[in-house]
Amino acid sequence: MASRLSYSCMVLTIAVLLIFSSLPCHAQLSSNFYDNTCPNALSTIRSAIDAAVSNEQRMAASLIRLHFHDCFVQGCDGSVLLADTASFTGERTARNNANSIRGFEVIDDAKAQVESICPGIVSCADVLAVAARDASVAVGGPSWTVNLGRRDSTTASLSLANSDLPAFTDSLDRLISLFGNKGLNARDMVALSGAHTIGQARCLTFRGRIYNNTSDIDPDFANTRRSQCPNTGGDGNLAPLDLVTPNTFDNNYYSNLIARRGLLQSDQVLFSGGSTDSIVNEYSTDSSSFSSDFASAMVKMGNIDPLTGSQGEIRRVCTAVN
């Protein structure tokens, strides 16, 4: 009897092991992933990003946004970096990317520098994730520990970019839903939106708000913005998302919303009598709370569906698959 029981337990154990061995292996990201294989990777990326932001302050916002637009489509896999070819359509021409996302050449340069010291080791997805953190620090924003070990996709999805990326006209409910689909809650969404404390937007994205809105916009602010954004034409004219401190990462963005001076409609809906008003109020008076929550949300966002282990590849150049 004992031998039969022992045999049954052994068969069950083998069966369980076989089941688990057939499941895909998802290695965990870790902050020390390159400590042995490329110990100077992070300092090399930081130097490249510091130089780029020093050359153009706007680049800090562009790099944070580039990482965000990567993670929201297929996960943080570097798919946004892939360029179109005759036989391949990437994500750059999606409606919320076209003539808008930028910073590709900065990531290309950082990757090239890393490749020169550690060829074939560090992924483009990780370079972009680290670049976003370093860009924040370069303009006085928070820092955070970047988990590493992502691998690069061999595909991109224009259709997912069109459906999954937030638009400048989205309602609060729509934004909460889009972020929720990525495992990010409303507080994460409001914190991440605070990246609009830096950077600029095109006239095309806020024209409707400054000309056709009379209920939730400060009239003087609207008049100021109209001076550089005509009712027709000038689609590419730029305006700072934060008129007061456009190149400093601070919590002034939330004070702007309370004063009805959010440049984009998708910004102002965060403070419009809805469920996120209290979070905006909190961040406007507590910069430490905002900084801490922004850093935590960036880590959380950076963990969205990464490729790990043997999935994907390590691209030699970020714009094309190997």
C-alpha atoms as a PDB file:
ATOM      1  CA  MET A   1       0.000   0.000   0.000  1.00  0.00           C
ATOM      2  CA  ALA A   2       2.805   2.378   0.962  1.00  0.00           C
ATOM      3  CA  SER A   3       4.666   1.652  -2.251  1.00  0.00           C
ATOM      4  CA  ARG A   4       1.559   2.343  -4.326  1.00  0.00           C
ATOM      5  CA  LEU A   5       1.030   5.649  -2.529  1.00  0.00           C
ATOM      6  CA  SER A   6       4.662   6.572  -3.071  1.00  0.00           C
ATOM      7  CA  TYR A   7       4.370   5.686  -6.764  1.00  0.00           C
ATOM      8  CA  SER A   8       1.171   7.752  -7.126  1.00  0.00           C
ATOM      9  CA  CYS A   9       2.820  10.775  -5.489  1.00  0.00           C
ATOM     10  CA  MET A  10       5.806  10.441  -7.822  1.00  0.00           C
ATOM     11  CA  VAL A  11       3.553  10.291 -10.907  1.00  0.00           C
ATOM     12  CA  LEU A  12       1.614  13.363  -9.679  1.00  0.00           C
ATOM     13  CA  THR A  13       4.838  15.276  -9.057  1.00  0.00           C
ATOM     14  CA  ILE A  14       6.125  14.495 -12.549  1.00  0.00           C
ATOM     15  CA  ALA A  15       2.806  15.550 -14.065  1.00  0.00           C
ATOM     16  CA  VAL A  16       2.875  18.876 -12.239  1.00  0.00           C
ATOM     17  CA  LEU A  17       6.464  19.503 -13.335  1.00  0.00           C
ATOM     18  CA  LEU A  18       5.568  18.737 -16.934  1.00  0.00           C
ATOM     19  CA  ILE A  19       2.653  21.170 -16.816  1.00  0.00           C
ATOM     20  CA  PHE A  20       4.798  23.997 -15.426  1.00  0.00           C
ATOM     21  CA  SER A  21       7.645  23.258 -17.831  1.00  0.00           C
ATOM     22  CA  SER A  22       5.252  23.757 -20.738  1.00  0.00           C
ATOM     23  CA  LEU A  23       4.300  27.258 -19.577  1.00  0.00           C
ATOM     24  CA  PRO A  24       6.190  30.245 -21.028  1.00  0.00           C
ATOM     25  CA  CYS A  25       9.071  31.494 -18.907  1.00  0.00           C
ATOM     26  CA  HIS A  26       8.832  35.157 -17.899  1.00  0.00           C
ATOM     27  CA  ALA A  27      12.042  36.335 -16.275  1.00  0.00           C
ATOM     28  CA  GLN A  28      11.721  39.195 -13.826  1.00  0.00           C
ATOM     29  CA  LEU A  29      13.108  42.661 -14.471  1.00  0.00           C
ATOM     30  CA  SER A  30      15.749  43.783 -11.985  1.00  0.00           C
ATOM     31  CA  SER A  31      17.643  46.980 -11.318  1.00  0.00           C
ATOM     32  CA  ASN A  32      21.022  45.195 -11.426  1.00  0.00           C
ATOM     33  CA  PHE A  33      20.405  43.285 -14.672  1.00  0.00           C
ATOM     34  CA  TYR A  34      23.502  44.705 -16.409  1.00  0.00           C
ATOM     35  CA  ASP A  35      25.816  44.906 -13.399  1.00  0.00           C
ATOM     36  CA  ASN A  36      28.007  42.099 -14.697  1.00  0.00           C
ATOM     37  CA  THR A  37      27.423  42.215 -18.457  1.00  0.00           C
ATOM     38  CA  CYS A  38      27.597  45.987 -18.998  1.00  0.00           C
ATOM     39  CA  PRO A  39      28.431  47.808 -15.754  1.00  0.00           C
ATOM     40  CA  ASN A  40      28.867  51.214 -17.443  1.00  0.00           C
ATOM     41  CA  ALA A  41      25.597  51.106 -19.371  1.00  0.00           C
ATOM     42  CA  LEU A  42      23.624  53.418 -17.083  1.00  0.00           C
ATOM     43  CA  SER A  43      26.335  56.060 -16.770  1.00  0.00           C
ATOM     44  CA  THR A  44      26.800  56.029 -20.540  1.00  0.00           C
ATOM     45  CA  ILE A  45      23.094  56.564 -21.145  1.00  0.00           C
ATOM     46  CA  ARG A  46      22.950  59.308 -18.531  1.00  0.00           C
ATOM     47  CA  SER A  47      25.791  61.227 -20.166  1.00  0.00           C
ATOM     48  CA  ALA A  48      24.059  61.053 -23.542  1.00  0.00           C
ATOM     49  CA  ILE A  49      20.735  62.249 -22.117  1.00  0.00           C
ATOM     50  CA  ASP A  50      22.320  65.045 -20.089  1.00  0.00           C
ATOM     51  CA  ALA A  51      24.019  66.319 -23.241  1.00  0.00           C
ATOM     52  CA  ALA A  52      20.824  66.143 -25.274  1.00  0.00           C
ATOM     53  CA  VAL A  53      18.730  67.990 -22.673  1.00  0.00           C
ATOM     54  CA  SER A  54      21.463  70.571 -22.175  1.00  0.00           C
ATOM     55  CA  ASN A  55      21.359  71.193 -25.914  1.00  0.00           C
ATOM     56  CA  GLU A  56      17.547  71.447 -25.966  1.00  0.00           C
ATOM     57  CA  GLN A  57      15.470  71.653 -22.780  1.00  0.00           C
ATOM     58  CA  ARG A  58      12.329  70.483 -24.579  1.00  0.00           C
ATOM     59  CA  MET A  59      13.979  67.112 -25.185  1.00  0.00           C
ATOM     60  CA  ALA A  60      13.361  66.066 -21.574  1.00  0.00           C
ATOM     61  CA  ALA A  61       9.601  66.084 -22.107  1.00  0.00           C
ATOM     62  CA  SER A  62       9.970  64.404 -25.487  1.00  0.00           C
ATOM     63  CA  LEU A  63      11.902  61.457 -24.050  1.00  0.00           C
ATOM     64  CA  ILE A  64       9.473  60.899 -21.185  1.00  0.00           C
ATOM     65  CA  ARG A  65       6.608  60.951 -23.678  1.00  0.00           C
ATOM     66  CA  LEU A  66       8.430  58.595 -26.037  1.00  0.00           C
ATOM     67  CA  HIS A  67       8.756  56.025 -23.243  1.00  0.00           C
ATOM     68  CA  PHE A  68       5.082  56.465 -22.364  1.00  0.00           C
ATOM     69  CA  HIS A  69       3.992  55.933 -25.972  1.00  0.00           C
ATOM     70  CA  ASP A  70       6.188  52.848 -26.155  1.00  0.00           C
ATOM     71  CA  CYS A  71       4.758  51.212 -23.046  1.00  0.00           C
ATOM     72  CA  PHE A  72       1.120  51.837 -23.964  1.00  0.00           C
ATOM     73  CA  VAL A  73       1.437  49.878 -27.226  1.00  0.00           C
ATOM     74  CA  GLN A  74       2.436  46.200 -26.907  1.00  0.00           C
ATOM     75  CA  GLY A  75       4.141  46.970 -23.598  1.00  0.00           C
ATOM     76  CA  CYS A  76       7.596  48.486 -22.997  1.00  0.00           C
ATOM     77  CA  ASP A  77       9.321  46.731 -25.888  1.00  0.00           C
ATOM     78  CA  GLY A  78      10.868  49.493 -28.005  1.00  0.00           C
ATOM     79  CA  SER A  79       8.249  49.019 -30.729  1.00  0.00           C
ATOM     80  CA  VAL A  80       7.687  52.779 -31.031  1.00  0.00           C
ATOM     81  CA  LEU A  81      11.302  53.186 -32.140  1.00  0.00           C
ATOM     82  CA  LEU A  82      10.948  51.040 -35.264  1.00  0.00           C
ATOM     83  CA  ALA A  83      10.920  53.041 -38.497  1.00  0.00           C
ATOM     84  CA  ASP A  84       8.653  52.323 -41.447  1.00  0.00           C
ATOM     85  CA  THR A  85      10.097  50.400 -44.356  1.00  0.00           C
ATOM     86  CA  ALA A  86       8.727  49.338 -47.730  1.00  0.00           C
ATOM     87  CA  SER A  87       7.368  46.154 -46.166  1.00  0.00           C
ATOM     88  CA  PHE A  88       6.772  47.287 -42.571  1.00  0.00           C
ATOM     89  CA  THR A  89       4.556  49.938 -40.995  1.00  0.00           C
ATOM     90  CA  GLY A  90       5.499  51.033 -37.495  1.00  0.00           C
ATOM     91  CA  GLU A  91       3.765  53.196 -34.911  1.00  0.00           C
ATOM     92  CA  ARG A  92       5.215  56.590 -35.714  1.00  0.00           C
ATOM     93  CA  THR A  93       2.349  57.601 -38.013  1.00  0.00           C
ATOM     94  CA  ALA A  94      -0.430  56.749 -35.544  1.00  0.00           C
ATOM     95  CA  ARG A  95      -2.838  59.641 -35.042  1.00  0.00           C
ATOM     96  CA  ASN A  96      -1.402  60.549 -31.632  1.00  0.00           C
ATOM     97  CA  ASN A  97       2.197  60.089 -32.794  1.00  0.00           C
ATOM     98  CA  ALA A  98       2.400  61.620 -36.266  1.00  0.00           C
ATOM     99  CA  ASN A  99       4.343  64.901 -36.375  1.00  0.00           C
ATOM    100  CA  SER A 100       4.403  64.715 -32.602  1.00  0.00           C
ATOM    101  CA  ILE A 101       6.657  62.148 -30.936  1.00  0.00           C
ATOM    102  CA  ARG A 102      10.333  62.948 -31.140  1.00  0.00           C
ATOM    103  CA  GLY A 103      13.702  62.162 -29.602  1.00  0.00           C
ATOM    104  CA  PHE A 104      14.501  59.138 -31.754  1.00  0.00           C
ATOM    105  CA  GLU A 105      17.934  60.458 -32.637  1.00  0.00           C
ATOM    106  CA  VAL A 106      18.791  60.885 -28.944  1.00  0.00           C
ATOM    107  CA  ILE A 107      17.908  57.263 -28.218  1.00  0.00           C
ATOM    108  CA  ASP A 108      19.847  56.178 -31.314  1.00  0.00           C
ATOM    109  CA  ASP A 109      22.902  58.051 -30.059  1.00  0.00           C
ATOM    110  CA  ALA A 110      22.659  56.640 -26.530  1.00  0.00           C
ATOM    111  CA  LYS A 111      22.242  53.129 -27.917  1.00  0.00           C
ATOM    112  CA  ALA A 112      25.245  53.556 -30.232  1.00  0.00           C
ATOM    113  CA  GLN A 113      27.400  54.642 -27.305  1.00  0.00           C
ATOM    114  CA  VAL A 114      26.292  51.633 -25.265  1.00  0.00           C
ATOM    115  CA  GLU A 115      26.875  49.312 -28.233  1.00  0.00           C
ATOM    116  CA  SER A 116      30.432  50.600 -28.510  1.00  0.00           C
ATOM    117  CA  ILE A 117      31.252  49.314 -25.020  1.00  0.00           C
ATOM    118  CA  CYS A 118      28.855  46.343 -24.736  1.00  0.00           C
ATOM    119  CA  PRO A 119      27.708  45.148 -28.163  1.00  0.00           C
ATOM    120  CA  GLY A 120      24.488  43.153 -28.250  1.00  0.00           C
ATOM    121  CA  ILE A 121      23.790  43.372 -24.517  1.00  0.00           C
ATOM    122  CA  VAL A 122      21.497  46.314 -23.708  1.00  0.00           C
ATOM    123  CA  SER A 123      18.083  46.536 -25.367  1.00  0.00           C
ATOM    124  CA  CYS A 124      16.632  49.638 -26.962  1.00  0.00           C
ATOM    125  CA  ALA A 125      13.603  49.267 -24.681  1.00  0.00           C
ATOM    126  CA  ASP A 126      15.871  49.532 -21.638  1.00  0.00           C
ATOM    127  CA  VAL A 127      17.806  52.462 -23.118  1.00  0.00           C
ATOM    128  CA  LEU A 128      14.492  54.299 -23.541  1.00  0.00           C
ATOM    129  CA  ALA A 129      13.303  53.465 -20.018  1.00  0.00           C
ATOM    130  CA  VAL A 130      16.554  54.738 -18.492  1.00  0.00           C
ATOM    131  CA  ALA A 131      16.516  57.807 -20.757  1.00  0.00           C
ATOM    132  CA  ALA A 132      13.070  58.814 -19.460  1.00  0.00           C
ATOM    133  CA  ARG A 133      14.306  58.692 -15.852  1.00  0.00           C
ATOM    134  CA  ASP A 134      17.480  60.623 -16.675  1.00  0.00           C
ATOM    135  CA  ALA A 135      15.474  63.217 -18.619  1.00  0.00           C
ATOM    136  CA  SER A 136      13.303  63.859 -15.571  1.00  0.00           C
ATOM    137  CA  VAL A 137      16.345  64.316 -13.348  1.00  0.00           C
ATOM    138  CA  ALA A 138      17.995  66.624 -15.887  1.00  0.00           C
ATOM    139  CA  VAL A 139      15.202  69.198 -15.486  1.00  0.00           C
ATOM    140  CA  GLY A 140      14.851  68.951 -11.716  1.00  0.00           C
ATOM    141  CA  GLY A 141      12.296  66.155 -11.626  1.00  0.00           C
ATOM    142  CA  PRO A 142      12.203  63.012  -9.501  1.00  0.00           C
ATOM    143  CA  SER A 143      14.431  60.003  -9.928  1.00  0.00           C
ATOM    144  CA  TRP A 144      13.487  56.355  -9.568  1.00  0.00           C
ATOM    145  CA  THR A 145      15.091  52.946  -9.802  1.00  0.00           C
ATOM    146  CA  VAL A 146      14.631  51.583 -13.320  1.00  0.00           C
ATOM    147  CA  ASN A 147      14.039  47.857 -13.517  1.00  0.00           C
ATOM    148  CA  LEU A 148      15.969  46.364 -16.427  1.00  0.00           C
ATOM    149  CA  GLY A 149      16.046  43.273 -18.578  1.00  0.00           C
ATOM    150  CA  ARG A 150      13.494  44.168 -21.242  1.00  0.00           C
ATOM    151  CA  ARG A 151      14.050  42.802 -24.713  1.00  0.00           C
ATOM    152  CA  ASP A 152      13.116  44.432 -28.001  1.00  0.00           C
ATOM    153  CA  SER A 153      10.103  43.532 -30.084  1.00  0.00           C
ATOM    154  CA  THR A 154      10.419  42.385 -33.683  1.00  0.00           C
ATOM    155  CA  THR A 155       7.015  43.883 -34.503  1.00  0.00           C
ATOM    156  CA  ALA A 156       5.034  47.068 -34.031  1.00  0.00           C
ATOM    157  CA  SER A 157       1.312  47.810 -34.214  1.00  0.00           C
ATOM    158  CA  LEU A 158      -0.136  50.879 -35.886  1.00  0.00           C
ATOM    159  CA  SER A 159      -3.661  49.709 -35.052  1.00  0.00           C
ATOM    160  CA  LEU A 160      -2.900  49.353 -31.333  1.00  0.00           C
ATOM    161  CA  ALA A 161      -1.176  52.735 -31.323  1.00  0.00           C
ATOM    162  CA  ASN A 162      -4.337  54.251 -32.787  1.00  0.00           C
ATOM    163  CA  SER A 163      -6.602  52.558 -30.250  1.00  0.00           C
ATOM    164  CA  ASP A 164      -4.556  52.513 -27.030  1.00  0.00           C
ATOM    165  CA  LEU A 165      -2.850  55.913 -26.848  1.00  0.00           C
ATOM    166  CA  PRO A 166      -4.742  58.747 -25.120  1.00  0.00           C
ATOM    167  CA  ALA A 167      -5.851  61.669 -27.276  1.00  0.00           C
ATOM    168  CA  PHE A 168      -5.804  65.369 -26.419  1.00  0.00           C
ATOM    169  CA  THR A 169      -9.629  65.474 -26.634  1.00  0.00           C
ATOM    170  CA  ASP A 170     -10.303  62.475 -24.388  1.00  0.00           C
ATOM    171  CA  SER A 171     -12.817  62.707 -21.549  1.00  0.00           C
ATOM    172  CA  LEU A 172     -11.937  61.853 -17.957  1.00  0.00           C
ATOM    173  CA  ASP A 173     -13.814  58.558 -18.164  1.00  0.00           C
ATOM    174  CA  ARG A 174     -11.969  57.660 -21.366  1.00  0.00           C
ATOM    175  CA  LEU A 175      -8.583  58.443 -19.795  1.00  0.00           C
ATOM    176  CA  ILE A 176      -9.357  56.415 -16.679  1.00  0.00           C
ATOM    177  CA  SER A 177     -10.385  53.506 -18.905  1.00  0.00           C
ATOM    178  CA  LEU A 178      -7.289  53.659 -21.124  1.00  0.00           C
ATOM    179  CA  PHE A 179      -4.935  53.767 -18.161  1.00  0.00           C
ATOM    180  CA  GLY A 180      -6.921  51.103 -16.354  1.00  0.00           C
ATOM    181  CA  ASN A 181      -6.469  48.796 -19.324  1.00  0.00           C
ATOM    182  CA  LYS A 182      -2.716  49.015 -18.681  1.00  0.00           C
ATOM    183  CA  GLY A 183      -2.996  48.298 -14.976  1.00  0.00           C
ATOM    184  CA  LEU A 184      -2.705  51.950 -13.953  1.00  0.00           C
ATOM    185  CA  ASN A 185      -5.294  53.499 -11.645  1.00  0.00           C
ATOM    186  CA  ALA A 186      -6.717  57.019 -11.639  1.00  0.00           C
ATOM    187  CA  ARG A 187      -4.077  58.288  -9.225  1.00  0.00           C
ATOM    188  CA  ASP A 188      -1.328  56.904 -11.468  1.00  0.00           C
ATOM    189  CA  MET A 189      -2.972  58.636 -14.414  1.00  0.00           C
ATOM    190  CA  VAL A 190      -3.127  62.028 -12.699  1.00  0.00           C
ATOM    191  CA  ALA A 191       0.481  61.691 -11.526  1.00  0.00           C
ATOM    192  CA  LEU A 192       1.772  60.701 -14.965  1.00  0.00           C
ATOM    193  CA  SER A 193      -0.162  63.576 -16.542  1.00  0.00           C
ATOM    194  CA  GLY A 194       2.025  65.829 -14.416  1.00  0.00           C
ATOM    195  CA  ALA A 195       4.782  65.246 -16.965  1.00  0.00           C
ATOM    196  CA  HIS A 196       2.985  68.058 -18.798  1.00  0.00           C
ATOM    197  CA  THR A 197       4.683  70.410 -16.373  1.00  0.00           C
ATOM    198  CA  ILE A 198       7.365  70.485 -19.094  1.00  0.00           C
ATOM    199  CA  GLY A 199       7.247  70.351 -22.863  1.00  0.00           C
ATOM    200  CA  GLN A 200       5.225  71.995 -25.593  1.00  0.00           C
ATOM    201  CA  ALA A 201       2.118  71.258 -27.626  1.00  0.00           C
ATOM    202  CA  ARG A 202       1.166  72.073 -31.202  1.00  0.00           C
ATOM    203  CA  CYS A 203      -1.557  74.606 -31.953  1.00  0.00           C
ATOM    204  CA  LEU A 204      -3.550  71.834 -33.630  1.00  0.00           C
ATOM    205  CA  THR A 205      -3.989  70.084 -30.284  1.00  0.00           C
ATOM    206  CA  PHE A 206      -5.369  73.042 -28.308  1.00  0.00           C
ATOM    207  CA  ARG A 207      -7.041  75.267 -30.921  1.00  0.00           C
ATOM    208  CA  GLY A 208     -10.501  73.927 -30.143  1.00  0.00           C
ATOM    209  CA  ARG A 209     -10.032  74.566 -26.445  1.00  0.00           C
ATOM    210  CA  ILE A 210      -8.970  78.211 -26.747  1.00  0.00           C
ATOM    211  CA  TYR A 211     -11.511  79.204 -29.400  1.00  0.00           C
ATOM    212  CA  ASN A 212     -14.582  77.075 -28.747  1.00  0.00           C
ATOM    213  CA  ASN A 213     -14.596  76.740 -24.971  1.00  0.00           C
ATOM    214  CA  THR A 214     -16.204  79.223 -22.600  1.00  0.00           C
ATOM    215  CA  SER A 215     -16.894  77.116 -19.525  1.00  0.00           C
ATOM    216  CA  ASP A 216     -13.634  75.703 -18.170  1.00  0.00           C
ATOM    217  CA  ILE A 217     -10.887  77.984 -19.440  1.00  0.00           C
ATOM    218  CA  ASP A 218      -9.532  81.224 -18.033  1.00  0.00           C
ATOM    219  CA  PRO A 219     -10.327  83.954 -20.618  1.00  0.00           C
ATOM    220  CA  ASP A 220      -7.001  85.731 -20.209  1.00  0.00           C
ATOM    221  CA  PHE A 221      -5.151  82.446 -20.679  1.00  0.00           C
ATOM    222  CA  ALA A 222      -7.151  81.729 -23.824  1.00  0.00           C
ATOM    223  CA  ASN A 223      -6.349  85.173 -25.235  1.00  0.00           C
ATOM    224  CA  THR A 224      -2.644  84.710 -24.530  1.00  0.00           C
ATOM    225  CA  ARG A 225      -2.577  81.371 -26.307  1.00  0.00           C
ATOM    226  CA  ARG A 226      -4.488  82.725 -29.320  1.00  0.00           C
ATOM    227  CA  SER A 227      -1.625  85.086 -30.080  1.00  0.00           C
ATOM    228  CA  GLN A 228       0.489  82.166 -31.283  1.00  0.00           C
ATOM    229  CA  CYS A 229      -2.321  79.891 -32.456  1.00  0.00           C
ATOM    230  CA  PRO A 230      -4.591  81.400 -35.137  1.00  0.00           C
ATOM    231  CA  ASN A 231      -8.070  80.067 -35.747  1.00  0.00           C
ATOM    232  CA  THR A 232      -6.901  78.730 -39.075  1.00  0.00           C
ATOM    233  CA  GLY A 233      -3.372  77.781 -40.087  1.00  0.00           C
ATOM    234  CA  GLY A 234      -0.324  77.541 -37.882  1.00  0.00           C
ATOM    235  CA  ASP A 235      -1.061  73.953 -36.863  1.00  0.00           C
ATOM    236  CA  GLY A 236       2.568  73.356 -35.919  1.00  0.00           C
ATOM    237  CA  ASN A 237       3.016  76.492 -33.813  1.00  0.00           C
ATOM    238  CA  LEU A 238       4.196  75.526 -30.339  1.00  0.00           C
ATOM    239  CA  ALA A 239       3.108  76.669 -26.898  1.00  0.00           C
ATOM    240  CA  PRO A 240       4.427  75.549 -23.500  1.00  0.00           C
ATOM    241  CA  LEU A 241       2.181  73.178 -21.592  1.00  0.00           C
ATOM    242  CA  ASP A 242       3.092  75.116 -18.441  1.00  0.00           C
ATOM    243  CA  LEU A 243       3.253  78.830 -19.184  1.00  0.00           C
ATOM    244  CA  VAL A 244       4.867  79.724 -15.832  1.00  0.00           C
ATOM    245  CA  THR A 245       7.786  77.277 -15.493  1.00  0.00           C
ATOM    246  CA  PRO A 246       7.947  75.554 -18.906  1.00  0.00           C
ATOM    247  CA  ASN A 247      11.392  73.971 -18.496  1.00  0.00           C
ATOM    248  CA  THR A 248      11.289  72.996 -14.820  1.00  0.00           C
ATOM    249  CA  PHE A 249       9.783  69.764 -13.561  1.00  0.00           C
ATOM    250  CA  ASP A 250       7.575  70.943 -10.698  1.00  0.00           C
ATOM    251  CA  ASN A 251       3.963  70.738  -9.551  1.00  0.00           C
ATOM    252  CA  ASN A 252       2.832  73.995 -11.157  1.00  0.00           C
ATOM    253  CA  TYR A 253       0.882  71.987 -13.749  1.00  0.00           C
ATOM    254  CA  TYR A 254      -1.755  71.228 -11.120  1.00  0.00           C
ATOM    255  CA  SER A 255      -2.047  74.859 -10.032  1.00  0.00           C
ATOM    256  CA  ASN A 256      -2.651  75.685 -13.688  1.00  0.00           C
ATOM    257  CA  LEU A 257      -5.524  73.200 -13.822  1.00  0.00           C
ATOM    258  CA  ILE A 258      -7.149  74.703 -10.732  1.00  0.00           C
ATOM    259  CA  ALA A 259      -6.863  78.133 -12.380  1.00  0.00           C
ATOM    260  CA  ARG A 260      -8.474  76.670 -15.556  1.00  0.00           C
ATOM    261  CA  ARG A 261      -5.228  77.123 -17.457  1.00  0.00           C
ATOM    262  CA  GLY A 262      -4.680  73.593 -18.682  1.00  0.00           C
ATOM    263  CA  LEU A 263      -3.538  73.855 -22.283  1.00  0.00           C
ATOM    264  CA  LEU A 264      -5.034  70.597 -23.529  1.00  0.00           C
ATOM    265  CA  GLN A 265      -8.617  69.543 -22.958  1.00  0.00           C
ATOM    266  CA  SER A 266      -7.317  66.171 -21.737  1.00  0.00           C
ATOM    267  CA  ASP A 267      -5.390  68.061 -19.060  1.00  0.00           C
ATOM    268  CA  GLN A 268      -8.242  70.249 -17.876  1.00  0.00           C
ATOM    269  CA  VAL A 269     -10.667  67.324 -17.485  1.00  0.00           C
ATOM    270  CA  LEU A 270      -8.541  66.184 -14.535  1.00  0.00           C
ATOM    271  CA  PHE A 271      -9.964  69.171 -12.665  1.00  0.00           C
ATOM    272  CA  SER A 272     -13.487  69.725 -13.875  1.00  0.00           C
ATOM    273  CA  GLY A 273     -15.775  68.681 -11.035  1.00  0.00           C
ATOM    274  CA  GLY A 274     -14.959  64.987 -11.446  1.00  0.00           C
ATOM    275  CA  SER A 275     -13.452  62.174  -9.426  1.00  0.00           C
ATOM    276  CA  THR A 276      -9.831  63.329  -9.801  1.00  0.00           C
ATOM    277  CA  ASP A 277     -10.289  66.899  -8.515  1.00  0.00           C
ATOM    278  CA  SER A 278      -9.091  65.915  -5.034  1.00  0.00           C
ATOM    279  CA  ILE A 279      -5.864  64.423  -6.403  1.00  0.00           C
ATOM    280  CA  VAL A 280      -5.142  67.590  -8.388  1.00  0.00           C
ATOM    281  CA  ASN A 281      -5.761  69.671  -5.264  1.00  0.00           C
ATOM    282  CA  GLU A 282      -3.383  67.476  -3.279  1.00  0.00           C
ATOM    283  CA  TYR A 283      -0.569  67.622  -5.833  1.00  0.00           C
ATOM    284  CA  SER A 284      -0.927  71.397  -6.247  1.00  0.00           C
ATOM    285  CA  THR A 285      -0.060  71.948  -2.592  1.00  0.00           C
ATOM    286  CA  ASP A 286       2.195  68.962  -1.902  1.00  0.00           C
ATOM    287  CA  SER A 287       5.081  68.712  -4.338  1.00  0.00           C
ATOM    288  CA  SER A 288       6.619  65.805  -2.415  1.00  0.00           C
ATOM    289  CA  SER A 289       3.473  63.738  -2.810  1.00  0.00           C
ATOM    290  CA  PHE A 290       3.421  64.447  -6.544  1.00  0.00           C
ATOM    291  CA  SER A 291       7.101  63.611  -7.015  1.00  0.00           C
ATOM    292  CA  SER A 292       6.805  60.371  -5.069  1.00  0.00           C
ATOM    293  CA  ASP A 293       3.660  59.288  -6.899  1.00  0.00           C
ATOM    294  CA  PHE A 294       5.085  60.234 -10.292  1.00  0.00           C
ATOM    295  CA  ALA A 295       8.186  58.129  -9.667  1.00  0.00           C
ATOM    296  CA  SER A 296       6.097  55.172  -8.487  1.00  0.00           C
ATOM    297  CA  ALA A 297       3.781  55.440 -11.491  1.00  0.00           C
ATOM    298  CA  MET A 298       6.737  55.551 -13.889  1.00  0.00           C
ATOM    299  CA  VAL A 299       8.094  52.317 -12.370  1.00  0.00           C
ATOM    300  CA  LYS A 300       4.645  50.766 -12.641  1.00  0.00           C
ATOM    301  CA  MET A 301       4.281  51.894 -16.255  1.00  0.00           C
ATOM    302  CA  GLY A 302       7.756  50.609 -17.081  1.00  0.00           C
ATOM    303  CA  ASN A 303       6.646  47.128 -16.021  1.00  0.00           C
ATOM    304  CA  ILE A 304       3.821  46.908 -18.573  1.00  0.00           C
ATOM    305  CA  ASP A 305       4.151  43.643 -20.525  1.00  0.00           C
ATOM    306  CA  PRO A 306       7.929  43.571 -21.106  1.00  0.00           C
ATOM    307  CA  LEU A 307       9.534  40.948 -23.292  1.00  0.00           C
ATOM    308  CA  THR A 308      12.044  38.983 -21.217  1.00  0.00           C
ATOM    309  CA  GLY A 309      14.108  35.812 -21.263  1.00  0.00           C
ATOM    310  CA  SER A 310      14.289  34.481 -24.808  1.00  0.00           C
ATOM    311  CA  GLN A 311      11.420  36.619 -26.111  1.00  0.00           C
ATOM    312  CA  GLY A 312      12.112  39.232 -28.775  1.00  0.00           C
ATOM    313  CA  GLU A 313      15.700  40.249 -29.453  1.00  0.00           C
ATOM    314  CA  ILE A 314      18.401  42.778 -28.616  1.00  0.00           C
ATOM    315  CA  ARG A 315      18.442  45.142 -31.575  1.00  0.00           C
ATOM    316  CA  ARG A 316      21.768  46.414 -32.835  1.00  0.00           C
ATOM    317  CA  VAL A 317      20.115  49.666 -33.922  1.00  0.00           C
ATOM    318  CA  CYS A 318      16.825  50.809 -32.479  1.00  0.00           C
ATOM    319  CA  THR A 319      15.076  51.734 -35.711  1.00  0.00           C
ATOM    320  CA  ALA A 320      15.148  48.271 -37.309  1.00  0.00           C
ATOM    321  CA  VAL A 321      14.909  44.624 -36.347  1.00  0.00           C
ATOM    322  CA  ASN A 322      18.096  42.594 -36.676  1.00  0.00           C
END
